[in-house]
Amino acid sequence: MTRLAQQQAAVSSDVIDEHTGVVTLDGEFDRLSAPEVERQLAGALVPEQDVLVDLRGVRFLDPAVLEVLLRGVARASGRGTRFDLIRPHALVWRVFVLTGMSARFSNYSSIQEALAAV
C-alpha cells in the first residue's frame, strides 16, 4: 500500500483471481495524488485482466484523478478488458453523475456485485 504524504490518501492493489485485479483508493485524492493513482492503475492494467477500482473509501476526488480514471477505462477498452468502478459515497458519486462521467464507467455497489456481472 502506498500512503500519500500530502493528504490522507492511500492506494493499494491486489489480485482477486487470475482474471481480475482491484485497485482500492481510500481517503482524499487531489491533483498531487494523480500520479500515484495512475502508477497503481498502470500496474493493474495487464493483458487479459479486468480491473475493478474500489472507490468506497474516497472522501474527495480531484478532476485530475477523474482524468486518470478516464485514461484507465480507455486503455482497458482498447485491450478488450473491463475497467469497472465500485461507487464511492453518494456525495463523491454525485460529481460523476453531474459531469456525465457516471455513464462512462460500468459501476457497482460492491466487488461481489461487479464479479457477479461478468
Protein backbone atom coordinates (compact mmCIF):
# COMPACT_ATOMS: atom_id res chain seq x y z
CA MET A 1 0.00 0.00 0.00
CA THR A 2 1.23 3.47 -0.80
CA ARG A 3 0.42 6.30 1.59
CA LEU A 4 0.49 9.76 0.02
CA ALA A 5 2.04 12.30 2.38
CA GLN A 6 0.32 15.46 1.13
CA GLN A 7 -3.09 14.32 2.32
CA GLN A 8 -4.77 11.38 3.92
CA ALA A 9 -4.91 9.09 0.91
CA ALA A 10 -3.91 5.50 0.28
CA VAL A 11 -3.78 3.48 -2.93
CA SER A 12 -3.38 -0.28 -2.95
CA SER A 13 -3.76 -3.04 -5.49
CA ASP A 14 -4.48 -6.72 -5.22
CA VAL A 15 -5.38 -9.66 -7.43
CA ILE A 16 -8.79 -11.24 -6.86
CA ASP A 17 -8.24 -14.11 -9.28
CA GLU A 18 -6.26 -14.82 -12.44
CA HIS A 19 -8.58 -12.59 -14.47
CA THR A 20 -9.34 -9.70 -12.09
CA GLY A 21 -7.30 -7.13 -10.22
CA VAL A 22 -8.59 -4.50 -7.83
CA VAL A 23 -7.17 -1.06 -7.11
CA THR A 24 -8.51 0.47 -3.90
CA LEU A 25 -8.50 4.19 -3.20
CA ASP A 26 -9.09 5.35 0.35
CA GLY A 27 -9.13 8.97 1.52
CA GLU A 28 -8.91 12.34 -0.20
CA PHE A 29 -7.34 12.48 -3.66
CA ASP A 30 -6.20 15.80 -5.05
CA ARG A 31 -4.12 16.59 -8.14
CA LEU A 32 -0.92 15.66 -6.30
CA SER A 33 -2.31 12.14 -5.84
CA ALA A 34 -2.99 11.61 -9.54
CA PRO A 35 0.49 10.28 -10.49
CA GLU A 36 0.38 7.58 -7.79
CA VAL A 37 -3.14 6.55 -8.77
CA GLU A 38 -2.01 6.36 -12.40
CA ARG A 39 1.03 4.26 -11.42
CA GLN A 40 -1.11 1.78 -9.48
CA LEU A 41 -3.64 1.54 -12.32
CA ALA A 42 -0.88 1.01 -14.89
CA GLY A 43 0.40 -1.90 -12.81
CA ALA A 44 -3.08 -3.41 -12.69
CA LEU A 45 -3.78 -2.94 -16.40
CA VAL A 46 -2.13 -6.08 -17.64
CA PRO A 47 -3.24 -8.02 -20.73
CA GLU A 48 -6.33 -10.17 -20.29
CA GLN A 49 -7.00 -8.91 -16.77
CA ASP A 50 -10.10 -6.95 -15.78
CA VAL A 51 -9.70 -4.11 -13.29
CA LEU A 52 -12.08 -3.06 -10.55
CA VAL A 53 -11.43 0.34 -8.97
CA ASP A 54 -12.86 0.39 -5.45
CA LEU A 55 -13.79 3.96 -4.56
CA ARG A 56 -15.92 3.21 -1.50
CA GLY A 57 -13.37 4.82 0.86
CA VAL A 58 -12.92 8.01 -1.19
CA ARG A 59 -14.00 11.23 0.50
CA PHE A 60 -12.77 13.65 -2.20
CA LEU A 61 -11.70 13.13 -5.82
CA ASP A 62 -9.98 15.89 -7.79
CA PRO A 63 -10.70 16.26 -11.53
CA ALA A 64 -7.08 15.24 -12.24
CA VAL A 65 -7.81 11.83 -10.71
CA LEU A 66 -11.05 11.61 -12.72
CA GLU A 67 -8.92 12.08 -15.84
CA VAL A 68 -6.66 9.23 -14.70
CA LEU A 69 -9.72 7.01 -14.39
CA LEU A 70 -10.86 8.01 -17.87
CA ARG A 71 -7.46 7.09 -19.31
CA GLY A 72 -7.69 3.75 -17.50
CA VAL A 73 -11.08 2.89 -18.96
CA ALA A 74 -9.84 3.88 -22.43
CA ARG A 75 -6.76 1.62 -22.14
CA ALA A 76 -8.84 -1.30 -20.87
CA SER A 77 -11.39 -0.81 -23.63
CA GLY A 78 -8.60 -0.86 -26.22
CA ARG A 79 -7.50 -4.23 -24.84
CA GLY A 80 -11.00 -5.64 -24.60
CA THR A 81 -10.94 -5.89 -20.81
CA ARG A 82 -13.22 -4.46 -18.13
CA PHE A 83 -12.44 -1.37 -16.07
CA ASP A 84 -15.30 -1.01 -13.62
CA LEU A 85 -15.87 1.21 -10.62
CA ILE A 86 -17.16 0.35 -7.20
CA ARG A 87 -19.10 3.51 -6.39
CA PRO A 88 -17.91 5.90 -3.68
CA HIS A 89 -20.06 7.62 -1.09
CA ALA A 90 -23.11 9.34 -2.64
CA LEU A 91 -21.63 12.83 -2.28
CA VAL A 92 -18.50 11.85 -4.22
CA TRP A 93 -20.51 9.85 -6.78
CA ARG A 94 -22.60 12.95 -7.39
CA VAL A 95 -19.60 14.52 -9.15
CA PHE A 96 -19.60 11.59 -11.58
CA VAL A 97 -23.33 11.99 -12.19
CA LEU A 98 -23.32 15.78 -12.60
CA THR A 99 -20.40 15.70 -15.05
CA GLY A 100 -21.87 12.82 -17.04
CA MET A 101 -18.90 10.63 -16.16
CA SER A 102 -21.08 8.02 -14.47
CA ALA A 103 -22.17 6.91 -17.95
CA ARG A 104 -18.53 6.34 -19.00
CA PHE A 105 -17.98 3.54 -16.48
CA SER A 106 -19.74 0.35 -15.55
CA ASN A 107 -20.29 0.81 -11.85
CA TYR A 108 -21.41 -1.32 -8.95
CA SER A 109 -22.12 -1.00 -5.25
CA SER A 110 -19.72 -3.80 -4.24
CA ILE A 111 -16.94 -6.00 -5.54
CA GLN A 112 -19.24 -9.02 -5.26
CA GLU A 113 -21.84 -7.31 -7.45
CA ALA A 114 -19.18 -6.45 -10.04
CA LEU A 115 -17.84 -10.01 -10.10
CA ALA A 116 -21.34 -11.43 -10.48
CA ALA A 117 -21.89 -9.21 -13.54
CA VAL A 118 -19.16 -10.98 -15.54
